[in-house]
Amino acid sequence: MISAGKLDRTIRIERAHRVIGEAGRVTVAWTSVATVRAELLQADAVEVAGPHGITSTDSLAFRLRHLAGITPADRVAYDGRAFNIRSVKEIGRRRALELICEGRPNG
């Protein structure tokens, strides 16, 4: 069971939808699925060597009450930024979810 006192952050779960514009061009629009309270478990900045040099990503882990239908295709909006969901882990039997998210740093 998650203590309500630990859910001290507000996150928004967003889902991508393809939109066809007037010229027939397909773009991706993100719409809000849910706004929930969550616990921030971990926040890290990680540097990775890639083909174009060293890149940096921010990694966040959130725990929230169970919410059906959340997948890695969704994303989390937190603190004015968008983070891709890398993994969704169910805790207990539909008690909670742990979301591992990553995104590029601001700047």
PDB file of N, CA and C in Angstrom:
ATOM      1  N   MET A   1       0.845  -1.186   0.000  1.00  0.00           N
ATOM      2  CA  MET A   1       0.000   0.000   0.000  1.00  0.00           C
ATOM      3  C   MET A   1       0.885   1.241   0.000  1.00  0.00           C
ATOM      4  N   ILE A   2       0.514   2.226  -0.754  1.00  0.00           N
ATOM      5  CA  ILE A   2       1.266   3.470  -0.816  1.00  0.00           C
ATOM      6  C   ILE A   2       0.654   4.457   0.165  1.00  0.00           C
ATOM      7  N   SER A   3       1.504   5.039   0.996  1.00  0.00           N
ATOM      8  CA  SER A   3       1.054   6.071   1.917  1.00  0.00           C
ATOM      9  C   SER A   3       0.778   7.352   1.136  1.00  0.00           C
ATOM     10  N   ALA A   4      -0.349   7.996   1.405  1.00  0.00           N
ATOM     11  CA  ALA A   4      -0.718   9.220   0.693  1.00  0.00           C
ATOM     12  C   ALA A   4       0.315  10.320   0.916  1.00  0.00           C
ATOM     13  N   GLY A   5       0.968  10.317   2.064  1.00  0.00           N
ATOM     14  CA  GLY A   5       1.975  11.332   2.357  1.00  0.00           C
ATOM     15  C   GLY A   5       3.196  11.262   1.454  1.00  0.00           C
ATOM     16  N   LYS A   6       3.475  10.098   0.883  1.00  0.00           N
ATOM     17  CA  LYS A   6       4.626   9.951  -0.016  1.00  0.00           C
ATOM     18  C   LYS A   6       4.326  10.451  -1.429  1.00  0.00           C
ATOM     19  N   LEU A   7       3.065  10.584  -1.771  1.00  0.00           N
ATOM     20  CA  LEU A   7       2.677  11.019  -3.113  1.00  0.00           C
ATOM     21  C   LEU A   7       2.714  12.543  -3.169  1.00  0.00           C
ATOM     22  N   ASP A   8       3.928  13.089  -3.196  1.00  0.00           N
ATOM     23  CA  ASP A   8       4.115  14.538  -3.070  1.00  0.00           C
ATOM     24  C   ASP A   8       4.420  15.242  -4.387  1.00  0.00           C
ATOM     25  N   ARG A   9       4.331  14.543  -5.504  1.00  0.00           N
ATOM     26  CA  ARG A   9       4.572  15.137  -6.831  1.00  0.00           C
ATOM     27  C   ARG A   9       3.332  14.952  -7.694  1.00  0.00           C
ATOM     28  N   THR A  10       3.117  15.871  -8.612  1.00  0.00           N
ATOM     29  CA  THR A  10       2.018  15.750  -9.572  1.00  0.00           C
ATOM     30  C   THR A  10       2.623  15.484 -10.944  1.00  0.00           C
ATOM     31  N   ILE A  11       2.190  14.406 -11.575  1.00  0.00           N
ATOM     32  CA  ILE A  11       2.643  14.075 -12.924  1.00  0.00           C
ATOM     33  C   ILE A  11       1.425  13.930 -13.827  1.00  0.00           C
ATOM     34  N   ARG A  12       1.664  14.112 -15.120  1.00  0.00           N
ATOM     35  CA  ARG A  12       0.599  13.946 -16.110  1.00  0.00           C
ATOM     36  C   ARG A  12       1.033  12.845 -17.076  1.00  0.00           C
ATOM     37  N   ILE A  13       0.178  11.878 -17.278  1.00  0.00           N
ATOM     38  CA  ILE A  13       0.420  10.812 -18.251  1.00  0.00           C
ATOM     39  C   ILE A  13      -0.171  11.287 -19.574  1.00  0.00           C
ATOM     40  N   GLU A  14       0.643  11.226 -20.628  1.00  0.00           N
ATOM     41  CA  GLU A  14       0.210  11.681 -21.948  1.00  0.00           C
ATOM     42  C   GLU A  14       0.341  10.556 -22.967  1.00  0.00           C
ATOM     43  N   ARG A  15      -0.535  10.580 -23.964  1.00  0.00           N
ATOM     44  CA  ARG A  15      -0.544   9.560 -25.014  1.00  0.00           C
ATOM     45  C   ARG A  15      -0.483  10.233 -26.377  1.00  0.00           C
ATOM     46  N   ALA A  16       0.288   9.639 -27.287  1.00  0.00           N
ATOM     47  CA  ALA A  16       0.455  10.190 -28.634  1.00  0.00           C
ATOM     48  C   ALA A  16      -0.720   9.805 -29.525  1.00  0.00           C
ATOM     49  N   HIS A  17      -1.109  10.768 -30.349  1.00  0.00           N
ATOM     50  CA  HIS A  17      -2.141  10.540 -31.358  1.00  0.00           C
ATOM     51  C   HIS A  17      -1.637  11.127 -32.668  1.00  0.00           C
ATOM     52  N   ARG A  18      -1.868  10.420 -33.751  1.00  0.00           N
ATOM     53  CA  ARG A  18      -1.482  10.943 -35.063  1.00  0.00           C
ATOM     54  C   ARG A  18      -2.593  11.835 -35.577  1.00  0.00           C
ATOM     55  N   VAL A  19      -2.181  12.993 -36.064  1.00  0.00           N
ATOM     56  CA  VAL A  19      -3.131  13.973 -36.589  1.00  0.00           C
ATOM     57  C   VAL A  19      -2.751  14.267 -38.032  1.00  0.00           C
ATOM     58  N   ILE A  20      -3.738  14.248 -38.924  1.00  0.00           N
ATOM     59  CA  ILE A  20      -3.497  14.551 -40.330  1.00  0.00           C
ATOM     60  C   ILE A  20      -3.885  16.006 -40.565  1.00  0.00           C
ATOM     61  N   GLY A  21      -2.899  16.797 -41.002  1.00  0.00           N
ATOM     62  CA  GLY A  21      -3.134  18.212 -41.259  1.00  0.00           C
ATOM     63  C   GLY A  21      -3.826  18.443 -42.589  1.00  0.00           C
ATOM     64  N   GLU A  22      -4.069  19.717 -42.886  1.00  0.00           N
ATOM     65  CA  GLU A  22      -4.767  20.070 -44.122  1.00  0.00           C
ATOM     66  C   GLU A  22      -4.005  19.633 -45.366  1.00  0.00           C
ATOM     67  N   ALA A  23      -2.696  19.693 -45.329  1.00  0.00           N
ATOM     68  CA  ALA A  23      -1.891  19.316 -46.493  1.00  0.00           C
ATOM     69  C   ALA A  23      -1.639  17.805 -46.541  1.00  0.00           C
ATOM     70  N   GLY A  24      -2.256  17.060 -45.627  1.00  0.00           N
ATOM     71  CA  GLY A  24      -2.068  15.616 -45.612  1.00  0.00           C
ATOM     72  C   GLY A  24      -0.859  15.176 -44.816  1.00  0.00           C
ATOM     73  N   ARG A  25      -0.191  16.126 -44.201  1.00  0.00           N
ATOM     74  CA  ARG A  25       1.004  15.809 -43.410  1.00  0.00           C
ATOM     75  C   ARG A  25       0.585  15.248 -42.054  1.00  0.00           C
ATOM     76  N   VAL A  26       1.215  14.137 -41.655  1.00  0.00           N
ATOM     77  CA  VAL A  26       0.907  13.489 -40.390  1.00  0.00           C
ATOM     78  C   VAL A  26       1.843  14.033 -39.313  1.00  0.00           C
ATOM     79  N   THR A  27       1.255  14.497 -38.216  1.00  0.00           N
ATOM     80  CA  THR A  27       2.037  14.968 -37.073  1.00  0.00           C
ATOM     81  C   THR A  27       1.555  14.225 -35.831  1.00  0.00           C
ATOM     82  N   VAL A  28       2.371  14.273 -34.789  1.00  0.00           N
ATOM     83  CA  VAL A  28       2.029  13.620 -33.527  1.00  0.00           C
ATOM     84  C   VAL A  28       1.597  14.679 -32.532  1.00  0.00           C
ATOM     85  N   ALA A  29       0.443  14.459 -31.910  1.00  0.00           N
ATOM     86  CA  ALA A  29      -0.059  15.354 -30.865  1.00  0.00           C
ATOM     87  C   ALA A  29      -0.188  14.541 -29.580  1.00  0.00           C
ATOM     88  N   TRP A  30       0.215  15.130 -28.463  1.00  0.00           N
ATOM     89  CA  TRP A  30       0.137  14.458 -27.166  1.00  0.00           C
ATOM     90  C   TRP A  30      -1.080  14.972 -26.416  1.00  0.00           C
ATOM     91  N   THR A  31      -1.906  14.052 -25.925  1.00  0.00           N
ATOM     92  CA  THR A  31      -3.070  14.428 -25.140  1.00  0.00           C
ATOM     93  C   THR A  31      -2.967  13.815 -23.745  1.00  0.00           C
ATOM     94  N   SER A  32      -3.527  14.498 -22.790  1.00  0.00           N
ATOM     95  CA  SER A  32      -3.472  14.059 -21.398  1.00  0.00           C
ATOM     96  C   SER A  32      -4.410  12.876 -21.174  1.00  0.00           C
ATOM     97  N   VAL A  33      -3.889  11.825 -20.557  1.00  0.00           N
ATOM     98  CA  VAL A  33      -4.679  10.650 -20.205  1.00  0.00           C
ATOM     99  C   VAL A  33      -5.137  10.762 -18.749  1.00  0.00           C
ATOM    100  N   ALA A  34      -4.219  11.207 -17.873  1.00  0.00           N
ATOM    101  CA  ALA A  34      -4.532  11.333 -16.446  1.00  0.00           C
ATOM    102  C   ALA A  34      -3.517  12.245 -15.780  1.00  0.00           C
ATOM    103  N   THR A  35      -3.963  12.948 -14.760  1.00  0.00           N
ATOM    104  CA  THR A  35      -3.072  13.710 -13.890  1.00  0.00           C
ATOM    105  C   THR A  35      -3.175  13.069 -12.525  1.00  0.00           C
ATOM    106  N   VAL A  36      -2.032  12.602 -11.997  1.00  0.00           N
ATOM    107  CA  VAL A  36      -2.027  11.814 -10.755  1.00  0.00           C
ATOM    108  C   VAL A  36      -0.936  12.290  -9.811  1.00  0.00           C
ATOM    109  N   ARG A  37      -1.077  11.905  -8.559  1.00  0.00           N
ATOM    110  CA  ARG A  37      -0.047  12.154  -7.549  1.00  0.00           C
ATOM    111  C   ARG A  37       0.916  10.971  -7.570  1.00  0.00           C
ATOM    112  N   ALA A  38       2.204  11.257  -7.388  1.00  0.00           N
ATOM    113  CA  ALA A  38       3.226  10.219  -7.465  1.00  0.00           C
ATOM    114  C   ALA A  38       4.350  10.502  -6.477  1.00  0.00           C
ATOM    115  N   GLU A  39       5.121   9.473  -6.203  1.00  0.00           N
ATOM    116  CA  GLU A  39       6.322   9.584  -5.381  1.00  0.00           C
ATOM    117  C   GLU A  39       7.526   9.530  -6.317  1.00  0.00           C
ATOM    118  N   LEU A  40       8.430  10.500  -6.191  1.00  0.00           N
ATOM    119  CA  LEU A  40       9.665  10.476  -6.970  1.00  0.00           C
ATOM    120  C   LEU A  40      10.653   9.600  -6.228  1.00  0.00           C
ATOM    121  N   LEU A  41      10.966   8.437  -6.797  1.00  0.00           N
ATOM    122  CA  LEU A  41      11.856   7.481  -6.149  1.00  0.00           C
ATOM    123  C   LEU A  41      13.323   7.776  -6.416  1.00  0.00           C
ATOM    124  N   GLN A  42      13.616   8.221  -7.637  1.00  0.00           N
ATOM    125  CA  GLN A  42      15.005   8.384  -8.044  1.00  0.00           C
ATOM    126  C   GLN A  42      15.085   9.397  -9.166  1.00  0.00           C
ATOM    127  N   ALA A  43      16.128  10.218  -9.129  1.00  0.00           N
ATOM    128  CA  ALA A  43      16.403  11.172 -10.204  1.00  0.00           C
ATOM    129  C   ALA A  43      17.902  11.154 -10.458  1.00  0.00           C
ATOM    130  N   ASP A  44      18.313  10.767 -11.659  1.00  0.00           N
ATOM    131  CA  ASP A  44      19.722  10.664 -12.025  1.00  0.00           C
ATOM    132  C   ASP A  44      19.972  11.341 -13.360  1.00  0.00           C
ATOM    133  N   ALA A  45      21.180  11.827 -13.533  1.00  0.00           N
ATOM    134  CA  ALA A  45      21.652  12.299 -14.837  1.00  0.00           C
ATOM    135  C   ALA A  45      22.712  11.301 -15.293  1.00  0.00           C
ATOM    136  N   VAL A  46      22.563  10.797 -16.506  1.00  0.00           N
ATOM    137  CA  VAL A  46      23.451   9.762 -17.019  1.00  0.00           C
ATOM    138  C   VAL A  46      24.073  10.234 -18.322  1.00  0.00           C
ATOM    139  N   GLU A  47      25.388  10.053 -18.460  1.00  0.00           N
ATOM    140  CA  GLU A  47      26.069  10.365 -19.719  1.00  0.00           C
ATOM    141  C   GLU A  47      26.396   9.063 -20.431  1.00  0.00           C
ATOM    142  N   VAL A  48      26.111   9.045 -21.745  1.00  0.00           N
ATOM    143  CA  VAL A  48      26.325   7.849 -22.550  1.00  0.00           C
ATOM    144  C   VAL A  48      27.135   8.224 -23.779  1.00  0.00           C
ATOM    145  N   ALA A  49      28.166   7.419 -24.089  1.00  0.00           N
ATOM    146  CA  ALA A  49      28.963   7.637 -25.296  1.00  0.00           C
ATOM    147  C   ALA A  49      28.222   7.031 -26.477  1.00  0.00           C
ATOM    148  N   GLY A  50      28.011   7.838 -27.493  1.00  0.00           N
ATOM    149  CA  GLY A  50      27.307   7.384 -28.688  1.00  0.00           C
ATOM    150  C   GLY A  50      28.103   7.725 -29.934  1.00  0.00           C
ATOM    151  N   PRO A  51      27.547   7.485 -31.106  1.00  0.00           N
ATOM    152  CA  PRO A  51      28.258   7.736 -32.362  1.00  0.00           C
ATOM    153  C   PRO A  51      28.540   9.223 -32.601  1.00  0.00           C
ATOM    154  N   HIS A  52      27.797  10.101 -31.969  1.00  0.00           N
ATOM    155  CA  HIS A  52      27.986  11.537 -32.155  1.00  0.00           C
ATOM    156  C   HIS A  52      28.593  12.189 -30.914  1.00  0.00           C
ATOM    157  N   GLY A  53      29.282  11.407 -30.098  1.00  0.00           N
ATOM    158  CA  GLY A  53      29.896  11.936 -28.888  1.00  0.00           C
ATOM    159  C   GLY A  53      29.099  11.565 -27.656  1.00  0.00           C
ATOM    160  N   ILE A  54      29.400  12.237 -26.578  1.00  0.00           N
ATOM    161  CA  ILE A  54      28.740  11.956 -25.308  1.00  0.00           C
ATOM    162  C   ILE A  54      27.416  12.708 -25.234  1.00  0.00           C
ATOM    163  N   THR A  55      26.366  11.968 -24.908  1.00  0.00           N
ATOM    164  CA  THR A  55      25.059  12.579 -24.725  1.00  0.00           C
ATOM    165  C   THR A  55      24.608  12.371 -23.283  1.00  0.00           C
ATOM    166  N   SER A  56      23.747  13.240 -22.826  1.00  0.00           N
ATOM    167  CA  SER A  56      23.278  13.187 -21.453  1.00  0.00           C
ATOM    168  C   SER A  56      21.776  12.967 -21.430  1.00  0.00           C
ATOM    169  N   THR A  57      21.315  12.122 -20.523  1.00  0.00           N
ATOM    170  CA  THR A  57      19.884  11.921 -20.324  1.00  0.00           C
ATOM    171  C   THR A  57      19.581  11.981 -18.836  1.00  0.00           C
ATOM    172  N   ASP A  58      18.387  12.415 -18.513  1.00  0.00           N
ATOM    173  CA  ASP A  58      17.912  12.400 -17.141  1.00  0.00           C
ATOM    174  C   ASP A  58      17.021  11.183 -16.974  1.00  0.00           C
ATOM    175  N   SER A  59      17.203  10.463 -15.875  1.00  0.00           N
ATOM    176  CA  SER A  59      16.424   9.274 -15.589  1.00  0.00           C
ATOM    177  C   SER A  59      15.648   9.495 -14.297  1.00  0.00           C
ATOM    178  N   LEU A  60      14.338   9.261 -14.341  1.00  0.00           N
ATOM    179  CA  LEU A  60      13.474   9.435 -13.179  1.00  0.00           C
ATOM    180  C   LEU A  60      12.684   8.160 -12.949  1.00  0.00           C
ATOM    181  N   ALA A  61      12.422   7.854 -11.684  1.00  0.00           N
ATOM    182  CA  ALA A  61      11.557   6.728 -11.328  1.00  0.00           C
ATOM    183  C   ALA A  61      10.432   7.260 -10.455  1.00  0.00           C
ATOM    184  N   PHE A  62       9.198   6.962 -10.837  1.00  0.00           N
ATOM    185  CA  PHE A  62       8.011   7.386 -10.097  1.00  0.00           C
ATOM    186  C   PHE A  62       7.228   6.167  -9.634  1.00  0.00           C
ATOM    187  N   ARG A  63       6.611   6.272  -8.466  1.00  0.00           N
ATOM    188  CA  ARG A  63       5.670   5.267  -7.993  1.00  0.00           C
ATOM    189  C   ARG A  63       4.321   5.954  -7.816  1.00  0.00           C
ATOM    190  N   LEU A  64       3.274   5.320  -8.328  1.00  0.00           N
ATOM    191  CA  LEU A  64       1.934   5.881  -8.247  1.00  0.00           C
ATOM    192  C   LEU A  64       0.926   4.778  -8.023  1.00  0.00           C
ATOM    193  N   ARG A  65      -0.268   5.150  -7.610  1.00  0.00           N
ATOM    194  CA  ARG A  65      -1.330   4.153  -7.465  1.00  0.00           C
ATOM    195  C   ARG A  65      -1.628   3.554  -8.830  1.00  0.00           C
ATOM    196  N   HIS A  66      -2.074   2.298  -8.825  1.00  0.00           N
ATOM    197  CA  HIS A  66      -2.301   1.573 -10.070  1.00  0.00           C
ATOM    198  C   HIS A  66      -3.238   2.337 -10.996  1.00  0.00           C
ATOM    199  N   LEU A  67      -2.863   2.369 -12.251  1.00  0.00           N
ATOM    200  CA  LEU A  67      -3.649   3.016 -13.291  1.00  0.00           C
ATOM    201  C   LEU A  67      -3.581   2.106 -14.514  1.00  0.00           C
ATOM    202  N   ALA A  68      -4.696   1.560 -14.910  1.00  0.00           N
ATOM    203  CA  ALA A  68      -4.724   0.595 -16.005  1.00  0.00           C
ATOM    204  C   ALA A  68      -4.399   1.244 -17.345  1.00  0.00           C
ATOM    205  N   GLY A  69      -3.715   0.489 -18.190  1.00  0.00           N
ATOM    206  CA  GLY A  69      -3.502   0.911 -19.570  1.00  0.00           C
ATOM    207  C   GLY A  69      -2.252   1.728 -19.844  1.00  0.00           C
ATOM    208  N   ILE A  70      -1.421   1.991 -18.857  1.00  0.00           N
ATOM    209  CA  ILE A  70      -0.199   2.767 -19.077  1.00  0.00           C
ATOM    210  C   ILE A  70       0.850   1.852 -19.710  1.00  0.00           C
ATOM    211  N   THR A  71       1.483   2.314 -20.793  1.00  0.00           N
ATOM    212  CA  THR A  71       2.485   1.525 -21.509  1.00  0.00           C
ATOM    213  C   THR A  71       3.707   2.401 -21.801  1.00  0.00           C
ATOM    214  N   PRO A  72       4.821   1.786 -22.226  1.00  0.00           N
ATOM    215  CA  PRO A  72       5.988   2.573 -22.620  1.00  0.00           C
ATOM    216  C   PRO A  72       5.757   3.472 -23.834  1.00  0.00           C
ATOM    217  N   ALA A  73       4.655   3.318 -24.528  1.00  0.00           N
ATOM    218  CA  ALA A  73       4.338   4.214 -25.643  1.00  0.00           C
ATOM    219  C   ALA A  73       3.860   5.577 -25.135  1.00  0.00           C
ATOM    220  N   ASP A  74       3.455   5.644 -23.868  1.00  0.00           N
ATOM    221  CA  ASP A  74       3.009   6.898 -23.265  1.00  0.00           C
ATOM    222  C   ASP A  74       4.224   7.683 -22.782  1.00  0.00           C
ATOM    223  N   ARG A  75       3.974   8.873 -22.251  1.00  0.00           N
ATOM    224  CA  ARG A  75       5.052   9.652 -21.656  1.00  0.00           C
ATOM    225  C   ARG A  75       4.552  10.351 -20.397  1.00  0.00           C
ATOM    226  N   VAL A  76       5.492  10.844 -19.597  1.00  0.00           N
ATOM    227  CA  VAL A  76       5.175  11.544 -18.356  1.00  0.00           C
ATOM    228  C   VAL A  76       5.588  13.006 -18.510  1.00  0.00           C
ATOM    229  N   ALA A  77       4.689  13.905 -18.158  1.00  0.00           N
ATOM    230  CA  ALA A  77       5.011  15.326 -18.095  1.00  0.00           C
ATOM    231  C   ALA A  77       5.195  15.662 -16.619  1.00  0.00           C
ATOM    232  N   TYR A  78       6.386  16.196 -16.298  1.00  0.00           N
ATOM    233  CA  TYR A  78       6.709  16.516 -14.906  1.00  0.00           C
ATOM    234  C   TYR A  78       7.629  17.729 -14.875  1.00  0.00           C
ATOM    235  N   ASP A  79       7.329  18.661 -14.038  1.00  0.00           N
ATOM    236  CA  ASP A  79       8.179  19.831 -13.825  1.00  0.00           C
ATOM    237  C   ASP A  79       8.444  20.588 -15.137  1.00  0.00           C
ATOM    238  N   GLY A  80       7.423  20.676 -15.986  1.00  0.00           N
ATOM    239  CA  GLY A  80       7.539  21.421 -17.232  1.00  0.00           C
ATOM    240  C   GLY A  80       8.286  20.706 -18.341  1.00  0.00           C
ATOM    241  N   ARG A  81       8.571  19.425 -18.163  1.00  0.00           N
ATOM    242  CA  ARG A  81       9.315  18.644 -19.158  1.00  0.00           C
ATOM    243  C   ARG A  81       8.587  17.350 -19.474  1.00  0.00           C
ATOM    244  N   ALA A  82       8.904  16.771 -20.623  1.00  0.00           N
ATOM    245  CA  ALA A  82       8.326  15.489 -21.031  1.00  0.00           C
ATOM    246  C   ALA A  82       9.398  14.408 -20.937  1.00  0.00           C
ATOM    247  N   PHE A  83       9.017  13.263 -20.378  1.00  0.00           N
ATOM    248  CA  PHE A  83       9.920  12.128 -20.218  1.00  0.00           C
ATOM    249  C   PHE A  83       9.289  10.892 -20.847  1.00  0.00           C
ATOM    250  N   ASN A  84      10.057  10.188 -21.677  1.00  0.00           N
ATOM    251  CA  ASN A  84       9.592   8.936 -22.256  1.00  0.00           C
ATOM    252  C   ASN A  84       9.550   7.877 -21.167  1.00  0.00           C
ATOM    253  N   ILE A  85       8.510   7.043 -21.179  1.00  0.00           N
ATOM    254  CA  ILE A  85       8.425   5.928 -20.238  1.00  0.00           C
ATOM    255  C   ILE A  85       9.228   4.779 -20.819  1.00  0.00           C
ATOM    256  N   ARG A  86      10.265   4.371 -20.110  1.00  0.00           N
ATOM    257  CA  ARG A  86      11.110   3.267 -20.553  1.00  0.00           C
ATOM    258  C   ARG A  86      10.555   1.922 -20.091  1.00  0.00           C
ATOM    259  N   SER A  87       9.983   1.881 -18.873  1.00  0.00           N
ATOM    260  CA  SER A  87       9.391   0.632 -18.402  1.00  0.00           C
ATOM    261  C   SER A  87       8.277   0.920 -17.400  1.00  0.00           C
ATOM    262  N   VAL A  88       7.321  -0.012 -17.359  1.00  0.00           N
ATOM    263  CA  VAL A  88       6.192   0.048 -16.434  1.00  0.00           C
ATOM    264  C   VAL A  88       6.209  -1.248 -15.636  1.00  0.00           C
ATOM    265  N   LYS A  89       6.324  -1.123 -14.317  1.00  0.00           N
ATOM    266  CA  LYS A  89       6.378  -2.301 -13.452  1.00  0.00           C
ATOM    267  C   LYS A  89       5.180  -2.272 -12.505  1.00  0.00           C
ATOM    268  N   GLU A  90       4.400  -3.338 -12.522  1.00  0.00           N
ATOM    269  CA  GLU A  90       3.261  -3.444 -11.606  1.00  0.00           C
ATOM    270  C   GLU A  90       3.756  -3.928 -10.256  1.00  0.00           C
ATOM    271  N   ILE A  91       3.342  -3.259  -9.199  1.00  0.00           N
ATOM    272  CA  ILE A  91       3.750  -3.616  -7.845  1.00  0.00           C
ATOM    273  C   ILE A  91       2.532  -4.188  -7.138  1.00  0.00           C
ATOM    274  N   GLY A  92       2.694  -5.400  -6.614  1.00  0.00           N
ATOM    275  CA  GLY A  92       1.562  -6.065  -5.987  1.00  0.00           C
ATOM    276  C   GLY A  92       0.532  -6.437  -7.022  1.00  0.00           C
ATOM    277  N   ARG A  93      -0.652  -6.700  -6.565  1.00  0.00           N
ATOM    278  CA  ARG A  93      -1.733  -7.058  -7.472  1.00  0.00           C
ATOM    279  C   ARG A  93      -2.600  -5.834  -7.713  1.00  0.00           C
ATOM    280  N   ARG A  94      -2.212  -5.049  -8.729  1.00  0.00           N
ATOM    281  CA  ARG A  94      -2.902  -3.806  -9.075  1.00  0.00           C
ATOM    282  C   ARG A  94      -2.940  -2.818  -7.909  1.00  0.00           C
ATOM    283  N   ARG A  95      -1.848  -2.792  -7.146  1.00  0.00           N
ATOM    284  CA  ARG A  95      -1.730  -1.843  -6.041  1.00  0.00           C
ATOM    285  C   ARG A  95      -1.057  -0.557  -6.488  1.00  0.00           C
ATOM    286  N   ALA A  96       0.040  -0.705  -7.244  1.00  0.00           N
ATOM    287  CA  ALA A  96       0.831   0.460  -7.633  1.00  0.00           C
ATOM    288  C   ALA A  96       1.565   0.177  -8.929  1.00  0.00           C
ATOM    289  N   LEU A  97       2.098   1.241  -9.524  1.00  0.00           N
ATOM    290  CA  LEU A  97       2.953   1.145 -10.703  1.00  0.00           C
ATOM    291  C   LEU A  97       4.255   1.867 -10.414  1.00  0.00           C
ATOM    292  N   GLU A  98       5.320   1.359 -10.963  1.00  0.00           N
ATOM    293  CA  GLU A  98       6.601   2.057 -10.937  1.00  0.00           C
ATOM    294  C   GLU A  98       6.962   2.365 -12.381  1.00  0.00           C
ATOM    295  N   LEU A  99       7.152   3.651 -12.680  1.00  0.00           N
ATOM    296  CA  LEU A  99       7.489   4.088 -14.032  1.00  0.00           C
ATOM    297  C   LEU A  99       8.938   4.538 -14.061  1.00  0.00           C
ATOM    298  N   ILE A 100       9.722   3.956 -14.939  1.00  0.00           N
ATOM    299  CA  ILE A 100      11.095   4.395 -15.174  1.00  0.00           C
ATOM    300  C   ILE A 100      11.049   5.255 -16.437  1.00  0.00           C
ATOM    301  N   CYS A 101      11.480   6.507 -16.298  1.00  0.00           N
ATOM    302  CA  CYS A 101      11.350   7.475 -17.390  1.00  0.00           C
ATOM    303  C   CYS A 101      12.705   8.091 -17.712  1.00  0.00           C
ATOM    304  N   GLU A 102      12.851   8.532 -18.967  1.00  0.00           N
ATOM    305  CA  GLU A 102      14.077   9.227 -19.343  1.00  0.00           C
ATOM    306  C   GLU A 102      13.773  10.350 -20.308  1.00  0.00           C
ATOM    307  N   GLY A 103      14.627  11.361 -20.265  1.00  0.00           N
ATOM    308  CA  GLY A 103      14.461  12.503 -21.151  1.00  0.00           C
ATOM    309  C   GLY A 103      15.757  13.274 -21.247  1.00  0.00           C
ATOM    310  N   ARG A 104      15.821  14.154 -22.210  1.00  0.00           N
ATOM    311  CA  ARG A 104      17.006  14.996 -22.378  1.00  0.00           C
ATOM    312  C   ARG A 104      16.962  16.158 -21.409  1.00  0.00           C
ATOM    313  N   PRO A 105      18.112  16.578 -20.895  1.00  0.00           N
ATOM    314  CA  PRO A 105      18.128  17.723 -19.987  1.00  0.00           C
ATOM    315  C   PRO A 105      17.770  19.006 -20.706  1.00  0.00           C
ATOM    316  N   ASN A 106      17.276  19.987 -19.958  1.00  0.00           N
ATOM    317  CA  ASN A 106      16.966  21.300 -20.535  1.00  0.00           C
ATOM    318  C   ASN A 106      18.234  21.998 -20.957  1.00  0.00           C
ATOM    319  N   GLY A 107      18.114  22.816 -21.966  1.00  0.00           N
ATOM    320  CA  GLY A 107      19.263  23.619 -22.377  1.00  0.00           C
ATOM    321  C   GLY A 107      19.775  23.160 -23.643  1.00  0.00           C
TER     322      GLY A 107
END
